Amino acid sequence: MKETRVVSWNMAYMKPGKFRGRENRRRQWALLAALAPDLALLQECQPADLNVLAPQWMSGRYDINGVPRSSRVGGSSILAKKEFGLRSGPEVPAQHEHLWEAFRGYVTTGVVDLENYGLLTLASVHALAGSDTPSTVTDTDSAAARRPSRDRAGHNDLAALMLQEVQSDRFIFAGDWNVARLFDNTAPKTAPGNREFFQMRDSHGWRDAMRRFHSDEVRTYLSSGTAPFELDHAFLDDVLYESLTRADVIEGAPADELSDHAPLLYEFGSRPPQKTEEF
């Protein structure tokens, strides 16, 4: 088996203007085809585009799992080659069914069978910025998910709480998390606690994939006039993290013309790294 290639990309269908136009979406799917992912975790995506705007061969090669929140804003989707056997995500805990319903279209999960690794839980995540959350979020939910420096949990905190409860031994939780360590420097009063977010994920065994090869944050949000924020992240279990052979941002044309977020590309070795015996 060759290396496994994974793409994560916010396709900006929610953004008014050119990004949501049919021709731009056609070009986005052409770029996805050229990147040739085995798996793609897509946000602000119209899953029906696989059959309408993608290169014709793709619909016969890939399955897609995702329900748009509406025809106006799209949603989070998981794209997988058919041989990976994409199916619905794990059962959610009863006490948080209300959160999963509130985040429908923001968080989409699925399970695939990855050769030499076993069952792999996937999540495509689009967390909105700020701490405004759905009305069904309770004080108890917020207290369980929030960062120490914040009074209320944000979308990204709640999404992380939900996924912690369904994570398996092998997982990739990727997407537009709308959190960056740089916010602690640029907006310490209005958007505090960003490093806390990553520290909390680390305490639950989530590894930030881009840090495997890039010690500093890299720009993934491309909107003009903004700081070089890394808003998009892939969190992995320890084994997949150690199996990474590549973690990069796809830069330059045409990627930077097609969305206000850059595509992220990750590659994993064909099998987990061998453990060395300690004597």
C-alpha atoms as a PDB file:
ATOM      1  CA  MET A   1       0.000   0.000   0.000  1.00  0.00           C
ATOM      2  CA  LYS A   2       1.231   3.460  -0.850  1.00  0.00           C
ATOM      3  CA  GLU A   3       1.224   6.398   1.524  1.00  0.00           C
ATOM      4  CA  THR A   4      -2.176   7.782   2.488  1.00  0.00           C
ATOM      5  CA  ARG A   5      -2.842  11.365   1.416  1.00  0.00           C
ATOM      6  CA  VAL A   6      -5.307  13.555   3.308  1.00  0.00           C
ATOM      7  CA  VAL A   7      -6.468  17.054   2.379  1.00  0.00           C
ATOM      8  CA  SER A   8      -8.293  19.475   4.673  1.00  0.00           C
ATOM      9  CA  TRP A   9      -9.852  22.562   3.110  1.00  0.00           C
ATOM     10  CA  ASN A  10     -12.437  25.221   3.865  1.00  0.00           C
ATOM     11  CA  MET A  11     -13.949  25.885   0.416  1.00  0.00           C
ATOM     12  CA  ALA A  12     -15.564  29.204   1.463  1.00  0.00           C
ATOM     13  CA  TYR A  13     -19.087  28.531   0.207  1.00  0.00           C
ATOM     14  CA  MET A  14     -20.319  30.602   3.160  1.00  0.00           C
ATOM     15  CA  LYS A  15     -18.394  33.634   1.964  1.00  0.00           C
ATOM     16  CA  PRO A  16     -20.436  36.034  -0.193  1.00  0.00           C
ATOM     17  CA  GLY A  17     -18.976  36.734  -3.610  1.00  0.00           C
ATOM     18  CA  LYS A  18     -16.866  34.835  -6.084  1.00  0.00           C
ATOM     19  CA  PHE A  19     -15.921  31.796  -4.000  1.00  0.00           C
ATOM     20  CA  ARG A  20     -19.422  30.320  -4.060  1.00  0.00           C
ATOM     21  CA  GLY A  21     -19.903  30.767  -7.821  1.00  0.00           C
ATOM     22  CA  ARG A  22     -20.230  27.649  -9.976  1.00  0.00           C
ATOM     23  CA  GLU A  23     -17.084  28.308 -11.987  1.00  0.00           C
ATOM     24  CA  ASN A  24     -14.990  28.801  -8.853  1.00  0.00           C
ATOM     25  CA  ARG A  25     -16.409  25.629  -7.340  1.00  0.00           C
ATOM     26  CA  ARG A  26     -15.598  23.770 -10.551  1.00  0.00           C
ATOM     27  CA  ARG A  27     -12.001  24.959 -10.262  1.00  0.00           C
ATOM     28  CA  GLN A  28     -11.886  23.942  -6.597  1.00  0.00           C
ATOM     29  CA  TRP A  29     -12.880  20.394  -7.482  1.00  0.00           C
ATOM     30  CA  ALA A  30     -10.349  20.355 -10.318  1.00  0.00           C
ATOM     31  CA  LEU A  31      -7.661  21.275  -7.790  1.00  0.00           C
ATOM     32  CA  LEU A  32      -8.874  18.567  -5.413  1.00  0.00           C
ATOM     33  CA  ALA A  33      -8.666  16.069  -8.247  1.00  0.00           C
ATOM     34  CA  ALA A  34      -5.110  17.184  -9.006  1.00  0.00           C
ATOM     35  CA  LEU A  35      -4.133  16.796  -5.327  1.00  0.00           C
ATOM     36  CA  ALA A  36      -5.444  13.210  -5.542  1.00  0.00           C
ATOM     37  CA  PRO A  37      -6.359  12.717  -1.894  1.00  0.00           C
ATOM     38  CA  ASP A  38      -7.329   9.372  -0.468  1.00  0.00           C
ATOM     39  CA  LEU A  39      -9.387  11.288   2.101  1.00  0.00           C
ATOM     40  CA  ALA A  40     -10.504  14.917   2.156  1.00  0.00           C
ATOM     41  CA  LEU A  41     -12.074  16.765   5.072  1.00  0.00           C
ATOM     42  CA  LEU A  42     -13.953  19.684   3.556  1.00  0.00           C
ATOM     43  CA  GLN A  43     -15.746  22.636   5.138  1.00  0.00           C
ATOM     44  CA  GLU A  44     -18.221  25.103   3.631  1.00  0.00           C
ATOM     45  CA  CYS A  45     -18.732  22.524   0.923  1.00  0.00           C
ATOM     46  CA  GLN A  46     -21.707  21.528  -1.204  1.00  0.00           C
ATOM     47  CA  PRO A  47     -21.426  17.712  -1.247  1.00  0.00           C
ATOM     48  CA  ALA A  48     -23.664  17.497  -4.339  1.00  0.00           C
ATOM     49  CA  ASP A  49     -20.877  19.221  -6.292  1.00  0.00           C
ATOM     50  CA  LEU A  50     -19.063  15.873  -6.461  1.00  0.00           C
ATOM     51  CA  ASN A  51     -21.679  14.730  -8.974  1.00  0.00           C
ATOM     52  CA  VAL A  52     -22.223  18.077 -10.686  1.00  0.00           C
ATOM     53  CA  LEU A  53     -19.039  20.160 -10.824  1.00  0.00           C
ATOM     54  CA  ALA A  54     -16.162  17.797 -10.090  1.00  0.00           C
ATOM     55  CA  PRO A  55     -14.298  16.093 -12.952  1.00  0.00           C
ATOM     56  CA  GLN A  56     -16.613  13.362 -14.155  1.00  0.00           C
ATOM     57  CA  TRP A  57     -14.383  10.469 -13.102  1.00  0.00           C
ATOM     58  CA  MET A  58     -14.387  11.537  -9.427  1.00  0.00           C
ATOM     59  CA  SER A  59     -17.979  10.497  -8.679  1.00  0.00           C
ATOM     60  CA  GLY A  60     -17.111   6.938  -9.642  1.00  0.00           C
ATOM     61  CA  ARG A  61     -13.985   6.909  -7.498  1.00  0.00           C
ATOM     62  CA  TYR A  62     -15.098   8.677  -4.315  1.00  0.00           C
ATOM     63  CA  ASP A  63     -17.873   8.582  -1.725  1.00  0.00           C
ATOM     64  CA  ILE A  64     -18.912  11.717   0.153  1.00  0.00           C
ATOM     65  CA  ASN A  65     -20.594  12.022   3.530  1.00  0.00           C
ATOM     66  CA  GLY A  66     -22.048  15.346   4.609  1.00  0.00           C
ATOM     67  CA  VAL A  67     -25.270  17.279   4.948  1.00  0.00           C
ATOM     68  CA  PRO A  68     -25.170  21.022   4.231  1.00  0.00           C
ATOM     69  CA  ARG A  69     -26.734  23.213   6.888  1.00  0.00           C
ATOM     70  CA  SER A  70     -28.603  24.882   4.031  1.00  0.00           C
ATOM     71  CA  SER A  71     -28.223  25.478   0.306  1.00  0.00           C
ATOM     72  CA  ARG A  72     -26.949  28.955   1.180  1.00  0.00           C
ATOM     73  CA  VAL A  73     -24.033  28.047   3.432  1.00  0.00           C
ATOM     74  CA  GLY A  74     -23.048  24.454   2.647  1.00  0.00           C
ATOM     75  CA  GLY A  75     -21.496  22.369   5.378  1.00  0.00           C
ATOM     76  CA  SER A  76     -18.718  20.033   6.466  1.00  0.00           C
ATOM     77  CA  SER A  77     -18.160  16.884   4.398  1.00  0.00           C
ATOM     78  CA  ILE A  78     -15.872  13.866   4.239  1.00  0.00           C
ATOM     79  CA  LEU A  79     -14.635  12.641   0.858  1.00  0.00           C
ATOM     80  CA  ALA A  80     -13.073   9.175   0.655  1.00  0.00           C
ATOM     81  CA  LYS A  81     -11.980   6.801  -2.064  1.00  0.00           C
ATOM     82  CA  LYS A  82     -14.500   4.000  -2.360  1.00  0.00           C
ATOM     83  CA  GLU A  83     -12.040   1.325  -1.303  1.00  0.00           C
ATOM     84  CA  PHE A  84     -11.837   2.949   2.153  1.00  0.00           C
ATOM     85  CA  GLY A  85     -15.451   1.979   2.842  1.00  0.00           C
ATOM     86  CA  LEU A  86     -16.633   5.312   4.236  1.00  0.00           C
ATOM     87  CA  ARG A  87     -19.543   4.954   6.617  1.00  0.00           C
ATOM     88  CA  SER A  88     -21.334   7.026   9.215  1.00  0.00           C
ATOM     89  CA  GLY A  89     -19.511   8.151  12.308  1.00  0.00           C
ATOM     90  CA  PRO A  90     -19.659   6.556  15.763  1.00  0.00           C
ATOM     91  CA  GLU A  91     -22.725   6.659  17.968  1.00  0.00           C
ATOM     92  CA  VAL A  92     -22.910   9.836  20.027  1.00  0.00           C
ATOM     93  CA  PRO A  93     -23.479   9.904  23.807  1.00  0.00           C
ATOM     94  CA  ALA A  94     -27.112  10.454  24.728  1.00  0.00           C
ATOM     95  CA  GLN A  95     -26.303  13.336  27.064  1.00  0.00           C
ATOM     96  CA  HIS A  96     -24.887  15.349  24.176  1.00  0.00           C
ATOM     97  CA  GLU A  97     -27.293  14.489  21.379  1.00  0.00           C
ATOM     98  CA  HIS A  98     -28.522  18.093  21.586  1.00  0.00           C
ATOM     99  CA  LEU A  99     -25.000  19.351  20.822  1.00  0.00           C
ATOM    100  CA  TRP A 100     -24.629  17.080  17.811  1.00  0.00           C
ATOM    101  CA  GLU A 101     -27.952  18.282  16.479  1.00  0.00           C
ATOM    102  CA  ALA A 102     -26.965  21.933  17.033  1.00  0.00           C
ATOM    103  CA  PHE A 103     -23.638  21.337  15.256  1.00  0.00           C
ATOM    104  CA  ARG A 104     -25.162  19.418  12.358  1.00  0.00           C
ATOM    105  CA  GLY A 105     -23.358  20.620   9.239  1.00  0.00           C
ATOM    106  CA  TYR A 106     -20.529  22.105  11.307  1.00  0.00           C
ATOM    107  CA  VAL A 107     -19.123  18.764  12.503  1.00  0.00           C
ATOM    108  CA  THR A 108     -19.418  15.703  10.265  1.00  0.00           C
ATOM    109  CA  THR A 109     -17.964  12.358  11.308  1.00  0.00           C
ATOM    110  CA  GLY A 110     -17.241   9.132   9.510  1.00  0.00           C
ATOM    111  CA  VAL A 111     -15.302   5.886   9.840  1.00  0.00           C
ATOM    112  CA  VAL A 112     -12.974   4.244   7.317  1.00  0.00           C
ATOM    113  CA  ASP A 113     -10.804   1.140   7.378  1.00  0.00           C
ATOM    114  CA  LEU A 114      -7.190   2.100   6.759  1.00  0.00           C
ATOM    115  CA  GLU A 115      -4.907  -0.777   5.811  1.00  0.00           C
ATOM    116  CA  ASN A 116      -2.304  -1.553   8.494  1.00  0.00           C
ATOM    117  CA  TYR A 117      -3.924   0.962  10.860  1.00  0.00           C
ATOM    118  CA  GLY A 118      -7.435  -0.410  11.348  1.00  0.00           C
ATOM    119  CA  LEU A 119     -10.596   1.588  11.873  1.00  0.00           C
ATOM    120  CA  LEU A 120     -10.070   5.333  11.675  1.00  0.00           C
ATOM    121  CA  THR A 121     -12.547   7.917  12.996  1.00  0.00           C
ATOM    122  CA  LEU A 122     -12.700  11.067  10.884  1.00  0.00           C
ATOM    123  CA  ALA A 123     -14.220  14.471  11.567  1.00  0.00           C
ATOM    124  CA  SER A 124     -14.510  17.489   9.308  1.00  0.00           C
ATOM    125  CA  VAL A 125     -14.889  20.525  11.562  1.00  0.00           C
ATOM    126  CA  HIS A 126     -15.988  24.086  10.906  1.00  0.00           C
ATOM    127  CA  ALA A 127     -15.980  26.037  14.163  1.00  0.00           C
ATOM    128  CA  LEU A 128     -17.303  29.572  14.026  1.00  0.00           C
ATOM    129  CA  ALA A 129     -15.237  32.356  15.558  1.00  0.00           C
ATOM    130  CA  GLY A 130     -16.217  33.840  18.902  1.00  0.00           C
ATOM    131  CA  SER A 131     -18.134  32.485  21.874  1.00  0.00           C
ATOM    132  CA  ASP A 132     -21.695  32.821  20.568  1.00  0.00           C
ATOM    133  CA  THR A 133     -23.104  29.313  20.646  1.00  0.00           C
ATOM    134  CA  PRO A 134     -26.433  27.665  19.798  1.00  0.00           C
ATOM    135  CA  SER A 135     -29.249  28.298  22.279  1.00  0.00           C
ATOM    136  CA  THR A 136     -29.380  24.594  23.151  1.00  0.00           C
ATOM    137  CA  VAL A 137     -25.897  24.766  24.716  1.00  0.00           C
ATOM    138  CA  THR A 138     -26.337  24.555  28.478  1.00  0.00           C
ATOM    139  CA  ASP A 139     -24.248  26.084  31.236  1.00  0.00           C
ATOM    140  CA  THR A 140     -23.085  22.562  32.055  1.00  0.00           C
ATOM    141  CA  ASP A 141     -21.943  22.031  28.453  1.00  0.00           C
ATOM    142  CA  SER A 142     -20.051  25.302  28.496  1.00  0.00           C
ATOM    143  CA  ALA A 143     -18.391  24.628  31.836  1.00  0.00           C
ATOM    144  CA  ALA A 144     -17.188  21.217  30.630  1.00  0.00           C
ATOM    145  CA  ALA A 145     -15.683  22.620  27.432  1.00  0.00           C
ATOM    146  CA  ARG A 146     -14.493  26.168  28.166  1.00  0.00           C
ATOM    147  CA  ARG A 147     -10.903  27.280  28.533  1.00  0.00           C
ATOM    148  CA  PRO A 148      -9.806  28.478  31.985  1.00  0.00           C
ATOM    149  CA  SER A 149      -9.428  32.101  30.883  1.00  0.00           C
ATOM    150  CA  ARG A 150     -12.916  32.298  29.313  1.00  0.00           C
ATOM    151  CA  ASP A 151     -16.333  32.577  30.925  1.00  0.00           C
ATOM    152  CA  ARG A 152     -18.056  30.627  28.135  1.00  0.00           C
ATOM    153  CA  ALA A 153     -17.046  27.917  25.715  1.00  0.00           C
ATOM    154  CA  GLY A 154     -16.752  28.776  22.038  1.00  0.00           C
ATOM    155  CA  HIS A 155     -17.763  26.719  19.007  1.00  0.00           C
ATOM    156  CA  ASN A 156     -14.307  25.180  18.800  1.00  0.00           C
ATOM    157  CA  ASP A 157     -14.287  24.226  22.496  1.00  0.00           C
ATOM    158  CA  LEU A 158     -17.660  22.504  22.178  1.00  0.00           C
ATOM    159  CA  ALA A 159     -16.679  20.728  18.957  1.00  0.00           C
ATOM    160  CA  ALA A 160     -13.589  19.402  20.731  1.00  0.00           C
ATOM    161  CA  LEU A 161     -15.668  18.215  23.695  1.00  0.00           C
ATOM    162  CA  MET A 162     -18.011  16.361  21.355  1.00  0.00           C
ATOM    163  CA  LEU A 163     -15.197  14.669  19.470  1.00  0.00           C
ATOM    164  CA  GLN A 164     -13.305  13.670  22.606  1.00  0.00           C
ATOM    165  CA  GLU A 165     -16.299  11.519  23.493  1.00  0.00           C
ATOM    166  CA  VAL A 166     -16.297   9.607  20.197  1.00  0.00           C
ATOM    167  CA  GLN A 167     -12.579   9.381  19.444  1.00  0.00           C
ATOM    168  CA  SER A 168     -11.169   5.937  18.756  1.00  0.00           C
ATOM    169  CA  ASP A 169      -7.598   4.661  18.942  1.00  0.00           C
ATOM    170  CA  ARG A 170      -6.972   6.157  15.470  1.00  0.00           C
ATOM    171  CA  PHE A 171      -8.471   9.493  14.509  1.00  0.00           C
ATOM    172  CA  ILE A 172      -8.104  12.567  12.318  1.00  0.00           C
ATOM    173  CA  PHE A 173     -10.144  15.590  13.399  1.00  0.00           C
ATOM    174  CA  ALA A 174      -9.387  18.315  10.870  1.00  0.00           C
ATOM    175  CA  GLY A 175     -10.773  21.522   9.510  1.00  0.00           C
ATOM    176  CA  ASP A 176     -11.272  25.202  10.141  1.00  0.00           C
ATOM    177  CA  TRP A 177     -11.065  25.322  13.932  1.00  0.00           C
ATOM    178  CA  ASN A 178     -10.927  29.144  13.949  1.00  0.00           C
ATOM    179  CA  VAL A 179      -8.253  29.234  16.621  1.00  0.00           C
ATOM    180  CA  ALA A 180      -4.615  30.299  16.372  1.00  0.00           C
ATOM    181  CA  ARG A 181      -1.907  30.855  18.942  1.00  0.00           C
ATOM    182  CA  LEU A 182      -1.209  34.195  17.277  1.00  0.00           C
ATOM    183  CA  PHE A 183      -4.525  35.549  18.600  1.00  0.00           C
ATOM    184  CA  ASP A 184      -2.947  35.651  22.060  1.00  0.00           C
ATOM    185  CA  ASN A 185      -0.614  38.327  20.662  1.00  0.00           C
ATOM    186  CA  THR A 186      -2.968  40.207  18.350  1.00  0.00           C
ATOM    187  CA  ALA A 187      -6.167  40.117  20.442  1.00  0.00           C
ATOM    188  CA  PRO A 188      -5.316  39.123  24.031  1.00  0.00           C
ATOM    189  CA  LYS A 189      -8.349  40.888  25.503  1.00  0.00           C
ATOM    190  CA  THR A 190     -11.058  40.064  22.970  1.00  0.00           C
ATOM    191  CA  ALA A 191      -9.886  36.541  22.053  1.00  0.00           C
ATOM    192  CA  PRO A 192      -7.874  35.162  24.982  1.00  0.00           C
ATOM    193  CA  GLY A 193      -6.823  31.638  25.804  1.00  0.00           C
ATOM    194  CA  ASN A 194      -5.765  30.321  22.423  1.00  0.00           C
ATOM    195  CA  ARG A 195      -2.699  28.512  23.690  1.00  0.00           C
ATOM    196  CA  GLU A 196      -4.955  27.048  26.372  1.00  0.00           C
ATOM    197  CA  PHE A 197      -7.067  25.500  23.617  1.00  0.00           C
ATOM    198  CA  PHE A 198      -4.072  23.600  22.255  1.00  0.00           C
ATOM    199  CA  GLN A 199      -2.867  22.644  25.735  1.00  0.00           C
ATOM    200  CA  MET A 200      -6.299  21.141  26.468  1.00  0.00           C
ATOM    201  CA  ARG A 201      -6.225  19.161  23.228  1.00  0.00           C
ATOM    202  CA  ASP A 202      -2.750  17.893  24.046  1.00  0.00           C
ATOM    203  CA  SER A 203      -3.935  16.729  27.466  1.00  0.00           C
ATOM    204  CA  HIS A 204      -6.493  14.525  25.706  1.00  0.00           C
ATOM    205  CA  GLY A 205      -3.892  12.959  23.416  1.00  0.00           C
ATOM    206  CA  TRP A 206      -4.575  15.129  20.374  1.00  0.00           C
ATOM    207  CA  ARG A 207      -1.445  15.923  18.381  1.00  0.00           C
ATOM    208  CA  ASP A 208      -1.363  19.030  16.165  1.00  0.00           C
ATOM    209  CA  ALA A 209      -0.240  17.590  12.813  1.00  0.00           C
ATOM    210  CA  MET A 210       1.410  20.701  11.401  1.00  0.00           C
ATOM    211  CA  ARG A 211       3.799  20.879  14.378  1.00  0.00           C
ATOM    212  CA  ARG A 212       5.406  17.625  13.241  1.00  0.00           C
ATOM    213  CA  PHE A 213       7.360  19.556  10.593  1.00  0.00           C
ATOM    214  CA  HIS A 214       6.690  23.230  11.388  1.00  0.00           C
ATOM    215  CA  SER A 215       7.572  24.459  14.864  1.00  0.00           C
ATOM    216  CA  ASP A 216       5.895  27.815  14.244  1.00  0.00           C
ATOM    217  CA  GLU A 217       2.383  28.397  12.995  1.00  0.00           C
ATOM    218  CA  VAL A 218       1.967  28.733   9.246  1.00  0.00           C
ATOM    219  CA  ARG A 219      -0.566  30.893   7.463  1.00  0.00           C
ATOM    220  CA  THR A 220      -3.726  29.096   6.388  1.00  0.00           C
ATOM    221  CA  TYR A 221      -6.180  32.016   6.405  1.00  0.00           C
ATOM    222  CA  LEU A 222      -5.661  34.048   3.250  1.00  0.00           C
ATOM    223  CA  SER A 223      -8.040  36.992   3.603  1.00  0.00           C
ATOM    224  CA  SER A 224      -6.180  40.187   2.673  1.00  0.00           C
ATOM    225  CA  GLY A 225      -5.262  42.574   5.447  1.00  0.00           C
ATOM    226  CA  THR A 226      -5.132  39.915   8.145  1.00  0.00           C
ATOM    227  CA  ALA A 227      -2.237  38.580  10.185  1.00  0.00           C
ATOM    228  CA  PRO A 228      -0.772  35.197   9.169  1.00  0.00           C
ATOM    229  CA  PHE A 229      -3.216  33.138  11.214  1.00  0.00           C
ATOM    230  CA  GLU A 230      -3.148  29.353  11.196  1.00  0.00           C
ATOM    231  CA  LEU A 231      -6.874  28.775  11.687  1.00  0.00           C
ATOM    232  CA  ASP A 232      -6.947  25.303  10.145  1.00  0.00           C
ATOM    233  CA  HIS A 233      -5.618  22.290  12.010  1.00  0.00           C
ATOM    234  CA  ALA A 234      -5.596  18.510  11.930  1.00  0.00           C
ATOM    235  CA  PHE A 235      -5.492  16.720  15.275  1.00  0.00           C
ATOM    236  CA  LEU A 236      -4.231  13.134  15.314  1.00  0.00           C
ATOM    237  CA  ASP A 237      -3.639  10.271  17.706  1.00  0.00           C
ATOM    238  CA  ASP A 238      -0.036   9.482  18.628  1.00  0.00           C
ATOM    239  CA  VAL A 239       0.430   6.671  16.093  1.00  0.00           C
ATOM    240  CA  LEU A 240      -0.812   8.680  13.106  1.00  0.00           C
ATOM    241  CA  TYR A 241       1.235  11.666  14.243  1.00  0.00           C
ATOM    242  CA  GLU A 242       4.401   9.570  14.308  1.00  0.00           C
ATOM    243  CA  SER A 243       3.450   8.128  10.910  1.00  0.00           C
ATOM    244  CA  LEU A 244       3.289  11.545   9.232  1.00  0.00           C
ATOM    245  CA  THR A 245       5.708  11.970   6.359  1.00  0.00           C
ATOM    246  CA  ARG A 246       4.386  15.345   5.217  1.00  0.00           C
ATOM    247  CA  ALA A 247       2.309  18.226   6.578  1.00  0.00           C
ATOM    248  CA  ASP A 248       2.139  21.300   4.353  1.00  0.00           C
ATOM    249  CA  VAL A 249       0.033  24.231   3.260  1.00  0.00           C
ATOM    250  CA  ILE A 250      -0.679  24.306  -0.480  1.00  0.00           C
ATOM    251  CA  GLU A 251       0.449  27.784  -1.453  1.00  0.00           C
ATOM    252  CA  GLY A 252       0.301  29.909  -4.596  1.00  0.00           C
ATOM    253  CA  ALA A 253      -1.950  29.781  -7.648  1.00  0.00           C
ATOM    254  CA  PRO A 254      -4.486  28.431  -8.122  1.00  0.00           C
ATOM    255  CA  ALA A 255      -5.095  27.521  -4.462  1.00  0.00           C
ATOM    256  CA  ASP A 256      -4.863  31.081  -3.159  1.00  0.00           C
ATOM    257  CA  GLU A 257      -7.398  32.253  -5.765  1.00  0.00           C
ATOM    258  CA  LEU A 258     -10.133  29.764  -4.915  1.00  0.00           C
ATOM    259  CA  SER A 259     -10.870  30.285  -1.204  1.00  0.00           C
ATOM    260  CA  ASP A 260      -9.967  32.459   1.738  1.00  0.00           C
ATOM    261  CA  HIS A 261      -8.399  29.354   3.301  1.00  0.00           C
ATOM    262  CA  ALA A 262      -5.483  27.384   1.896  1.00  0.00           C
ATOM    263  CA  PRO A 263      -5.759  23.619   1.414  1.00  0.00           C
ATOM    264  CA  LEU A 264      -3.686  21.585   3.867  1.00  0.00           C
ATOM    265  CA  LEU A 265      -2.024  18.350   2.785  1.00  0.00           C
ATOM    266  CA  TYR A 266      -0.928  15.497   5.021  1.00  0.00           C
ATOM    267  CA  GLU A 267       0.701  12.204   4.084  1.00  0.00           C
ATOM    268  CA  PHE A 268       1.078   9.112   6.243  1.00  0.00           C
ATOM    269  CA  GLY A 269       3.393   6.142   5.874  1.00  0.00           C
ATOM    270  CA  SER A 270       1.963   2.894   4.567  1.00  0.00           C
ATOM    271  CA  ARG A 271       2.190   1.332   8.019  1.00  0.00           C
ATOM    272  CA  PRO A 272       2.667   2.534  11.611  1.00  0.00           C
ATOM    273  CA  PRO A 273       6.256   3.064  12.724  1.00  0.00           C
ATOM    274  CA  GLN A 274       7.818   0.077  14.445  1.00  0.00           C
ATOM    275  CA  LYS A 275       8.266   0.352  18.171  1.00  0.00           C
ATOM    276  CA  THR A 276      11.837  -0.109  19.373  1.00  0.00           C
ATOM    277  CA  GLU A 277      12.371  -2.370  22.299  1.00  0.00           C
ATOM    278  CA  GLU A 278      13.857  -0.792  25.409  1.00  0.00           C
ATOM    279  CA  PHE A 279      16.209  -2.846  27.530  1.00  0.00           C
END
